[in-house]
Amino acid sequence: MATALGLRTDPDARVLDRHRNPIPRLYACGNDADSVMASEYPGAGCQVGAGLIFGYLAARHAAR
């Protein structure tokens, strides 16, 4: 049994606290972040694309 629900993030992949405020310098992507497919897991590799995109977005945001 597994879950596809991870840490809540914003569009820059920053992890949000319980009040939906970004936690400074904390990012999540891939299986650590809340899935872009909600609680569904359609099959092996489905998080790869989201992990790559949100990893890129997190790196861009962190570099600013």
PDB file of N, CA and C in Angstrom:
ATOM      1  N   MET A   1       0.852  -1.169   0.000  1.00  0.00           N
ATOM      2  CA  MET A   1       0.000   0.000   0.000  1.00  0.00           C
ATOM      3  C   MET A   1       0.898   1.232   0.000  1.00  0.00           C
ATOM      4  N   ALA A   2       0.527   2.201  -0.772  1.00  0.00           N
ATOM      5  CA  ALA A   2       1.294   3.444  -0.865  1.00  0.00           C
ATOM      6  C   ALA A   2       0.326   4.606  -1.022  1.00  0.00           C
ATOM      7  N   THR A   3       0.869   5.796  -1.001  1.00  0.00           N
ATOM      8  CA  THR A   3       0.048   6.981  -1.197  1.00  0.00           C
ATOM      9  C   THR A   3       0.688   7.896  -2.228  1.00  0.00           C
ATOM     10  N   ALA A   4      -0.118   8.666  -2.903  1.00  0.00           N
ATOM     11  CA  ALA A   4       0.394   9.661  -3.847  1.00  0.00           C
ATOM     12  C   ALA A   4       0.205  11.064  -3.277  1.00  0.00           C
ATOM     13  N   LEU A   5      -0.194  11.129  -2.008  1.00  0.00           N
ATOM     14  CA  LEU A   5      -0.383  12.426  -1.373  1.00  0.00           C
ATOM     15  C   LEU A   5       0.872  12.784  -0.588  1.00  0.00           C
ATOM     16  N   GLY A   6       1.500  13.867  -0.964  1.00  0.00           N
ATOM     17  CA  GLY A   6       2.720  14.302  -0.287  1.00  0.00           C
ATOM     18  C   GLY A   6       2.529  15.667   0.326  1.00  0.00           C
ATOM     19  N   LEU A   7       3.613  16.403   0.448  1.00  0.00           N
ATOM     20  CA  LEU A   7       3.584  17.734   1.030  1.00  0.00           C
ATOM     21  C   LEU A   7       2.893  18.717   0.091  1.00  0.00           C
ATOM     22  N   ARG A   8       2.098  19.603   0.648  1.00  0.00           N
ATOM     23  CA  ARG A   8       1.403  20.620  -0.160  1.00  0.00           C
ATOM     24  C   ARG A   8       2.439  21.648  -0.620  1.00  0.00           C
ATOM     25  N   THR A   9       2.413  21.966  -1.915  1.00  0.00           N
ATOM     26  CA  THR A   9       3.362  22.921  -2.488  1.00  0.00           C
ATOM     27  C   THR A   9       2.635  23.999  -3.281  1.00  0.00           C
ATOM     28  N   ASP A  10       3.384  25.064  -3.586  1.00  0.00           N
ATOM     29  CA  ASP A  10       2.845  26.129  -4.442  1.00  0.00           C
ATOM     30  C   ASP A  10       3.410  25.946  -5.853  1.00  0.00           C
ATOM     31  N   PRO A  11       3.077  26.820  -6.797  1.00  0.00           N
ATOM     32  CA  PRO A  11       3.566  26.659  -8.182  1.00  0.00           C
ATOM     33  C   PRO A  11       5.092  26.744  -8.340  1.00  0.00           C
ATOM     34  N   ASP A  12       5.805  27.255  -7.321  1.00  0.00           N
ATOM     35  CA  ASP A  12       7.267  27.278  -7.363  1.00  0.00           C
ATOM     36  C   ASP A  12       7.874  26.093  -6.625  1.00  0.00           C
ATOM     37  N   ALA A  13       7.050  25.103  -6.262  1.00  0.00           N
ATOM     38  CA  ALA A  13       7.457  23.884  -5.564  1.00  0.00           C
ATOM     39  C   ALA A  13       7.879  24.141  -4.119  1.00  0.00           C
ATOM     40  N   ARG A  14       7.523  25.305  -3.560  1.00  0.00           N
ATOM     41  CA  ARG A  14       7.826  25.583  -2.157  1.00  0.00           C
ATOM     42  C   ARG A  14       6.809  24.849  -1.289  1.00  0.00           C
ATOM     43  N   VAL A  15       7.287  24.219  -0.218  1.00  0.00           N
ATOM     44  CA  VAL A  15       6.402  23.520   0.707  1.00  0.00           C
ATOM     45  C   VAL A  15       5.613  24.551   1.510  1.00  0.00           C
ATOM     46  N   LEU A  16       4.312  24.279   1.674  1.00  0.00           N
ATOM     47  CA  LEU A  16       3.434  25.191   2.399  1.00  0.00           C
ATOM     48  C   LEU A  16       3.148  24.656   3.794  1.00  0.00           C
ATOM     49  N   ASP A  17       3.038  25.587   4.759  1.00  0.00           N
ATOM     50  CA  ASP A  17       2.682  25.189   6.120  1.00  0.00           C
ATOM     51  C   ASP A  17       1.169  24.998   6.226  1.00  0.00           C
ATOM     52  N   ARG A  18       0.674  24.740   7.415  1.00  0.00           N
ATOM     53  CA  ARG A  18      -0.755  24.465   7.571  1.00  0.00           C
ATOM     54  C   ARG A  18      -1.637  25.667   7.271  1.00  0.00           C
ATOM     55  N   HIS A  19      -1.030  26.876   7.251  1.00  0.00           N
ATOM     56  CA  HIS A  19      -1.776  28.087   6.902  1.00  0.00           C
ATOM     57  C   HIS A  19      -1.583  28.461   5.431  1.00  0.00           C
ATOM     58  N   ARG A  20      -0.975  27.545   4.687  1.00  0.00           N
ATOM     59  CA  ARG A  20      -0.692  27.714   3.251  1.00  0.00           C
ATOM     60  C   ARG A  20       0.307  28.821   2.949  1.00  0.00           C
ATOM     61  N   ASN A  21       1.213  29.067   3.900  1.00  0.00           N
ATOM     62  CA  ASN A  21       2.310  30.010   3.684  1.00  0.00           C
ATOM     63  C   ASN A  21       3.562  29.220   3.343  1.00  0.00           C
ATOM     64  N   PRO A  22       4.383  29.698   2.383  1.00  0.00           N
ATOM     65  CA  PRO A  22       5.604  28.977   2.026  1.00  0.00           C
ATOM     66  C   PRO A  22       6.584  28.920   3.197  1.00  0.00           C
ATOM     67  N   ILE A  23       7.186  27.750   3.386  1.00  0.00           N
ATOM     68  CA  ILE A  23       8.237  27.581   4.386  1.00  0.00           C
ATOM     69  C   ILE A  23       9.544  27.966   3.702  1.00  0.00           C
ATOM     70  N   PRO A  24      10.268  28.963   4.249  1.00  0.00           N
ATOM     71  CA  PRO A  24      11.489  29.442   3.582  1.00  0.00           C
ATOM     72  C   PRO A  24      12.498  28.322   3.304  1.00  0.00           C
ATOM     73  N   ARG A  25      13.022  28.321   2.081  1.00  0.00           N
ATOM     74  CA  ARG A  25      14.085  27.408   1.632  1.00  0.00           C
ATOM     75  C   ARG A  25      13.728  25.922   1.691  1.00  0.00           C
ATOM     76  N   LEU A  26      12.429  25.600   1.667  1.00  0.00           N
ATOM     77  CA  LEU A  26      12.018  24.198   1.669  1.00  0.00           C
ATOM     78  C   LEU A  26      11.179  23.928   0.421  1.00  0.00           C
ATOM     79  N   TYR A  27      11.662  23.034  -0.417  1.00  0.00           N
ATOM     80  CA  TYR A  27      11.013  22.691  -1.679  1.00  0.00           C
ATOM     81  C   TYR A  27      10.723  21.196  -1.713  1.00  0.00           C
ATOM     82  N   ALA A  28       9.739  20.802  -2.511  1.00  0.00           N
ATOM     83  CA  ALA A  28       9.429  19.382  -2.686  1.00  0.00           C
ATOM     84  C   ALA A  28       8.957  19.148  -4.119  1.00  0.00           C
ATOM     85  N   CYS A  29       9.329  18.005  -4.663  1.00  0.00           N
ATOM     86  CA  CYS A  29       8.869  17.626  -6.001  1.00  0.00           C
ATOM     87  C   CYS A  29       8.831  16.106  -6.082  1.00  0.00           C
ATOM     88  N   GLY A  30       8.298  15.596  -7.167  1.00  0.00           N
ATOM     89  CA  GLY A  30       8.205  14.150  -7.345  1.00  0.00           C
ATOM     90  C   GLY A  30       7.297  13.517  -6.308  1.00  0.00           C
ATOM     91  N   ASN A  31       7.692  12.378  -5.770  1.00  0.00           N
ATOM     92  CA  ASN A  31       6.859  11.661  -4.809  1.00  0.00           C
ATOM     93  C   ASN A  31       6.799  12.336  -3.443  1.00  0.00           C
ATOM     94  N   ASP A  32       7.672  13.312  -3.180  1.00  0.00           N
ATOM     95  CA  ASP A  32       7.613  14.033  -1.908  1.00  0.00           C
ATOM     96  C   ASP A  32       6.558  15.124  -1.913  1.00  0.00           C
ATOM     97  N   ALA A  33       6.151  15.576  -3.082  1.00  0.00           N
ATOM     98  CA  ALA A  33       5.154  16.647  -3.207  1.00  0.00           C
ATOM     99  C   ALA A  33       3.771  16.046  -3.441  1.00  0.00           C
ATOM    100  N   ASP A  34       2.762  16.823  -3.114  1.00  0.00           N
ATOM    101  CA  ASP A  34       1.394  16.420  -3.392  1.00  0.00           C
ATOM    102  C   ASP A  34       1.267  16.168  -4.900  1.00  0.00           C
ATOM    103  N   SER A  35       0.709  15.062  -5.272  1.00  0.00           N
ATOM    104  CA  SER A  35       0.648  14.659  -6.676  1.00  0.00           C
ATOM    105  C   SER A  35      -0.224  15.583  -7.520  1.00  0.00           C
ATOM    106  N   VAL A  36       0.214  15.853  -8.730  1.00  0.00           N
ATOM    107  CA  VAL A  36      -0.596  16.631  -9.668  1.00  0.00           C
ATOM    108  C   VAL A  36      -1.810  15.824 -10.130  1.00  0.00           C
ATOM    109  N   MET A  37      -1.829  14.530  -9.812  1.00  0.00           N
ATOM    110  CA  MET A  37      -2.950  13.659 -10.160  1.00  0.00           C
ATOM    111  C   MET A  37      -3.820  13.355  -8.952  1.00  0.00           C
ATOM    112  N   ALA A  38      -3.801  14.242  -7.960  1.00  0.00           N
ATOM    113  CA  ALA A  38      -4.561  14.080  -6.709  1.00  0.00           C
ATOM    114  C   ALA A  38      -4.128  12.798  -6.005  1.00  0.00           C
ATOM    115  N   SER A  39      -5.045  12.004  -5.550  1.00  0.00           N
ATOM    116  CA  SER A  39      -4.675  10.789  -4.810  1.00  0.00           C
ATOM    117  C   SER A  39      -4.556   9.566  -5.715  1.00  0.00           C
ATOM    118  N   GLU A  40      -4.642   9.771  -7.014  1.00  0.00           N
ATOM    119  CA  GLU A  40      -4.552   8.651  -7.965  1.00  0.00           C
ATOM    120  C   GLU A  40      -3.102   8.373  -8.334  1.00  0.00           C
ATOM    121  N   TYR A  41      -2.815   7.120  -8.660  1.00  0.00           N
ATOM    122  CA  TYR A  41      -1.497   6.717  -9.138  1.00  0.00           C
ATOM    123  C   TYR A  41      -1.718   5.822 -10.352  1.00  0.00           C
ATOM    124  N   PRO A  42      -1.756   6.429 -11.560  1.00  0.00           N
ATOM    125  CA  PRO A  42      -2.109   5.667 -12.754  1.00  0.00           C
ATOM    126  C   PRO A  42      -1.121   4.561 -13.139  1.00  0.00           C
ATOM    127  N   GLY A  43       0.130   4.667 -12.726  1.00  0.00           N
ATOM    128  CA  GLY A  43       1.077   3.628 -13.074  1.00  0.00           C
ATOM    129  C   GLY A  43       2.507   4.056 -12.856  1.00  0.00           C
ATOM    130  N   ALA A  44       3.398   3.100 -13.015  1.00  0.00           N
ATOM    131  CA  ALA A  44       4.825   3.346 -12.798  1.00  0.00           C
ATOM    132  C   ALA A  44       5.332   4.470 -13.690  1.00  0.00           C
ATOM    133  N   GLY A  45       6.061   5.384 -13.101  1.00  0.00           N
ATOM    134  CA  GLY A  45       6.667   6.476 -13.857  1.00  0.00           C
ATOM    135  C   GLY A  45       5.810   7.705 -14.005  1.00  0.00           C
ATOM    136  N   CYS A  46       4.589   7.676 -13.496  1.00  0.00           N
ATOM    137  CA  CYS A  46       3.697   8.826 -13.705  1.00  0.00           C
ATOM    138  C   CYS A  46       4.193  10.083 -13.003  1.00  0.00           C
ATOM    139  N   GLN A  47       5.009   9.962 -11.971  1.00  0.00           N
ATOM    140  CA  GLN A  47       5.513  11.130 -11.256  1.00  0.00           C
ATOM    141  C   GLN A  47       6.810  11.677 -11.858  1.00  0.00           C
ATOM    142  N   VAL A  48       7.382  10.983 -12.813  1.00  0.00           N
ATOM    143  CA  VAL A  48       8.660  11.412 -13.382  1.00  0.00           C
ATOM    144  C   VAL A  48       8.545  12.795 -14.033  1.00  0.00           C
ATOM    145  N   GLY A  49       7.538  12.991 -14.854  1.00  0.00           N
ATOM    146  CA  GLY A  49       7.362  14.282 -15.522  1.00  0.00           C
ATOM    147  C   GLY A  49       7.143  15.407 -14.534  1.00  0.00           C
ATOM    148  N   ALA A  50       6.264  15.189 -13.558  1.00  0.00           N
ATOM    149  CA  ALA A  50       6.005  16.215 -12.537  1.00  0.00           C
ATOM    150  C   ALA A  50       7.264  16.481 -11.721  1.00  0.00           C
ATOM    151  N   GLY A  51       8.019  15.438 -11.400  1.00  0.00           N
ATOM    152  CA  GLY A  51       9.267  15.611 -10.649  1.00  0.00           C
ATOM    153  C   GLY A  51      10.276  16.455 -11.405  1.00  0.00           C
ATOM    154  N   LEU A  52      10.395  16.219 -12.701  1.00  0.00           N
ATOM    155  CA  LEU A  52      11.322  17.000 -13.524  1.00  0.00           C
ATOM    156  C   LEU A  52      10.888  18.458 -13.629  1.00  0.00           C
ATOM    157  N   ILE A  53       9.629  18.688 -13.896  1.00  0.00           N
ATOM    158  CA  ILE A  53       9.120  20.055 -14.053  1.00  0.00           C
ATOM    159  C   ILE A  53       9.216  20.832 -12.750  1.00  0.00           C
ATOM    160  N   PHE A  54       8.706  20.253 -11.658  1.00  0.00           N
ATOM    161  CA  PHE A  54       8.728  20.983 -10.400  1.00  0.00           C
ATOM    162  C   PHE A  54      10.133  21.077  -9.808  1.00  0.00           C
ATOM    163  N   GLY A  55      11.003  20.129 -10.115  1.00  0.00           N
ATOM    164  CA  GLY A  55      12.407  20.259  -9.723  1.00  0.00           C
ATOM    165  C   GLY A  55      13.052  21.443 -10.425  1.00  0.00           C
ATOM    166  N   TYR A  56      12.742  21.610 -11.696  1.00  0.00           N
ATOM    167  CA  TYR A  56      13.235  22.746 -12.471  1.00  0.00           C
ATOM    168  C   TYR A  56      12.696  24.061 -11.905  1.00  0.00           C
ATOM    169  N   LEU A  57      11.393  24.099 -11.613  1.00  0.00           N
ATOM    170  CA  LEU A  57      10.791  25.310 -11.060  1.00  0.00           C
ATOM    171  C   LEU A  57      11.381  25.653  -9.687  1.00  0.00           C
ATOM    172  N   ALA A  58      11.613  24.636  -8.872  1.00  0.00           N
ATOM    173  CA  ALA A  58      12.218  24.871  -7.554  1.00  0.00           C
ATOM    174  C   ALA A  58      13.638  25.433  -7.695  1.00  0.00           C
ATOM    175  N   ALA A  59      14.407  24.878  -8.613  1.00  0.00           N
ATOM    176  CA  ALA A  59      15.780  25.363  -8.816  1.00  0.00           C
ATOM    177  C   ALA A  59      15.793  26.801  -9.310  1.00  0.00           C
ATOM    178  N   ARG A  60      14.895  27.126 -10.227  1.00  0.00           N
ATOM    179  CA  ARG A  60      14.814  28.511 -10.710  1.00  0.00           C
ATOM    180  C   ARG A  60      14.438  29.475  -9.590  1.00  0.00           C
ATOM    181  N   HIS A  61      13.482  29.058  -8.769  1.00  0.00           N
ATOM    182  CA  HIS A  61      13.061  29.924  -7.672  1.00  0.00           C
ATOM    183  C   HIS A  61      14.186  30.080  -6.646  1.00  0.00           C
ATOM    184  N   ALA A  62      14.855  29.008  -6.304  1.00  0.00           N
ATOM    185  CA  ALA A  62      15.938  29.059  -5.323  1.00  0.00           C
ATOM    186  C   ALA A  62      17.113  29.916  -5.816  1.00  0.00           C
ATOM    187  N   ALA A  63      17.322  29.932  -7.122  1.00  0.00           N
ATOM    188  CA  ALA A  63      18.441  30.706  -7.687  1.00  0.00           C
ATOM    189  C   ALA A  63      18.169  32.207  -7.695  1.00  0.00           C
ATOM    190  N   ARG A  64      16.905  32.593  -7.578  1.00  0.00           N
ATOM    191  CA  ARG A  64      16.573  34.031  -7.583  1.00  0.00           C
ATOM    192  C   ARG A  64      17.035  34.716  -6.360  1.00  0.00           C
TER     193      ARG A  64
END
